[in-house]
Amino acid sequence: MPIVTVQVTREGSAPSRNSVTAEEKAAIIKGVSEVLLNVLNKPLESTYVVIEEVDLDNWGWGGLPTVQYRQQRAKAAQS
């Protein structure tokens, strides 16, 4: 019985949203479950997928809070 945890930042995929939609979550669950079926032959009905949305303030990358890291990368890309 595989259990897969997917962590995503709590922000939407469009400017007017601040979370992942139910439809996006359903697609993640389906896709992850199908990968385990295709790669490890794990039946869909035995695979659990847990989606955790993490507030952006609680996510860091490259030694910085994510917002600062993204700003730093955006500046570097402009140079």
C-alpha atoms as a PDB file:
ATOM      1  CA  MET A   1       0.000   0.000   0.000  1.00  0.00           C
ATOM      2  CA  PRO A   2       1.949   3.029  -1.198  1.00  0.00           C
ATOM      3  CA  ILE A   3       1.328   6.368   0.458  1.00  0.00           C
ATOM      4  CA  VAL A   4       2.611   9.369  -1.464  1.00  0.00           C
ATOM      5  CA  THR A   5       2.742  12.862   0.004  1.00  0.00           C
ATOM      6  CA  VAL A   6       2.831  15.765  -2.424  1.00  0.00           C
ATOM      7  CA  GLN A   7       3.701  19.149  -0.957  1.00  0.00           C
ATOM      8  CA  VAL A   8       2.857  22.289  -2.896  1.00  0.00           C
ATOM      9  CA  THR A   9       2.950  25.929  -1.952  1.00  0.00           C
ATOM     10  CA  ARG A  10      -0.398  27.458  -1.086  1.00  0.00           C
ATOM     11  CA  GLU A  11      -0.757  29.658  -4.105  1.00  0.00           C
ATOM     12  CA  GLY A  12      -2.959  29.370  -7.093  1.00  0.00           C
ATOM     13  CA  SER A  13      -2.049  28.648 -10.664  1.00  0.00           C
ATOM     14  CA  ALA A  14      -3.687  31.937 -11.674  1.00  0.00           C
ATOM     15  CA  PRO A  15      -3.275  35.441 -10.203  1.00  0.00           C
ATOM     16  CA  SER A  16      -6.803  35.546  -8.760  1.00  0.00           C
ATOM     17  CA  ARG A  17      -6.440  32.276  -6.782  1.00  0.00           C
ATOM     18  CA  ASN A  18      -4.608  31.478  -3.561  1.00  0.00           C
ATOM     19  CA  SER A  19      -4.775  27.687  -3.472  1.00  0.00           C
ATOM     20  CA  VAL A  20      -4.777  24.616  -5.653  1.00  0.00           C
ATOM     21  CA  THR A  21      -8.229  23.877  -7.059  1.00  0.00           C
ATOM     22  CA  ALA A  22     -10.148  20.662  -6.457  1.00  0.00           C
ATOM     23  CA  GLU A  23      -9.741  19.838 -10.149  1.00  0.00           C
ATOM     24  CA  GLU A  24      -5.951  20.319  -9.957  1.00  0.00           C
ATOM     25  CA  LYS A  25      -5.773  18.142  -6.844  1.00  0.00           C
ATOM     26  CA  ALA A  26      -7.794  15.426  -8.584  1.00  0.00           C
ATOM     27  CA  ALA A  27      -5.376  15.537 -11.536  1.00  0.00           C
ATOM     28  CA  ILE A  28      -2.370  15.252  -9.193  1.00  0.00           C
ATOM     29  CA  ILE A  29      -3.939  12.270  -7.411  1.00  0.00           C
ATOM     30  CA  LYS A  30      -4.759  10.559 -10.703  1.00  0.00           C
ATOM     31  CA  GLY A  31      -1.337  11.214 -12.203  1.00  0.00           C
ATOM     32  CA  VAL A  32       0.659  10.061  -9.176  1.00  0.00           C
ATOM     33  CA  SER A  33      -1.483   6.947  -8.828  1.00  0.00           C
ATOM     34  CA  GLU A  34      -1.031   6.092 -12.513  1.00  0.00           C
ATOM     35  CA  VAL A  35       2.754   6.478 -12.236  1.00  0.00           C
ATOM     36  CA  LEU A  36       2.830   3.941  -9.412  1.00  0.00           C
ATOM     37  CA  LEU A  37       0.592   1.611 -11.431  1.00  0.00           C
ATOM     38  CA  ASN A  38       2.745   1.892 -14.555  1.00  0.00           C
ATOM     39  CA  VAL A  39       6.160   1.798 -12.867  1.00  0.00           C
ATOM     40  CA  LEU A  40       5.643  -0.454  -9.840  1.00  0.00           C
ATOM     41  CA  ASN A  41       2.443  -2.281 -10.827  1.00  0.00           C
ATOM     42  CA  LYS A  42       0.676  -0.944  -7.708  1.00  0.00           C
ATOM     43  CA  PRO A  43      -3.116  -1.103  -8.078  1.00  0.00           C
ATOM     44  CA  LEU A  44      -4.913   2.228  -8.107  1.00  0.00           C
ATOM     45  CA  GLU A  45      -7.159   1.140  -5.245  1.00  0.00           C
ATOM     46  CA  SER A  46      -4.195   0.508  -2.963  1.00  0.00           C
ATOM     47  CA  THR A  47      -2.448   3.842  -3.534  1.00  0.00           C
ATOM     48  CA  TYR A  48      -3.041   6.774  -1.206  1.00  0.00           C
ATOM     49  CA  VAL A  49      -2.052  10.284  -2.245  1.00  0.00           C
ATOM     50  CA  VAL A  50      -1.927  13.066   0.332  1.00  0.00           C
ATOM     51  CA  ILE A  51      -1.654  16.655  -0.858  1.00  0.00           C
ATOM     52  CA  GLU A  52      -0.285  19.165   1.631  1.00  0.00           C
ATOM     53  CA  GLU A  53      -0.515  22.850   0.831  1.00  0.00           C
ATOM     54  CA  VAL A  54       2.234  24.799   2.574  1.00  0.00           C
ATOM     55  CA  ASP A  55       1.928  28.545   3.152  1.00  0.00           C
ATOM     56  CA  LEU A  56       4.489  30.360   1.040  1.00  0.00           C
ATOM     57  CA  ASP A  57       6.009  31.889   4.190  1.00  0.00           C
ATOM     58  CA  ASN A  58       6.783  28.351   5.409  1.00  0.00           C
ATOM     59  CA  TRP A  59       8.670  27.294   2.292  1.00  0.00           C
ATOM     60  CA  GLY A  60      12.309  28.065   1.604  1.00  0.00           C
ATOM     61  CA  TRP A  61      14.763  27.384  -1.169  1.00  0.00           C
ATOM     62  CA  GLY A  62      18.409  28.177  -1.652  1.00  0.00           C
ATOM     63  CA  GLY A  63      18.741  29.386   1.943  1.00  0.00           C
ATOM     64  CA  LEU A  64      16.002  31.999   1.515  1.00  0.00           C
ATOM     65  CA  PRO A  65      12.253  32.232   1.973  1.00  0.00           C
ATOM     66  CA  THR A  66      10.664  31.343  -1.360  1.00  0.00           C
ATOM     67  CA  VAL A  67       9.436  34.876  -2.106  1.00  0.00           C
ATOM     68  CA  GLN A  68      12.945  36.293  -1.660  1.00  0.00           C
ATOM     69  CA  TYR A  69      14.476  33.459  -3.675  1.00  0.00           C
ATOM     70  CA  ARG A  70      12.089  34.091  -6.562  1.00  0.00           C
ATOM     71  CA  GLN A  71      12.829  37.820  -6.455  1.00  0.00           C
ATOM     72  CA  GLN A  72      16.564  37.085  -6.534  1.00  0.00           C
ATOM     73  CA  ARG A  73      16.150  34.758  -9.524  1.00  0.00           C
ATOM     74  CA  ALA A  74      13.990  37.296 -11.355  1.00  0.00           C
ATOM     75  CA  LYS A  75      16.671  39.979 -10.907  1.00  0.00           C
ATOM     76  CA  ALA A  76      19.364  37.594 -12.133  1.00  0.00           C
ATOM     77  CA  ALA A  77      17.292  36.719 -15.189  1.00  0.00           C
ATOM     78  CA  GLN A  78      16.948  40.408 -16.086  1.00  0.00           C
ATOM     79  CA  SER A  79      20.703  40.930 -15.996  1.00  0.00           C
END
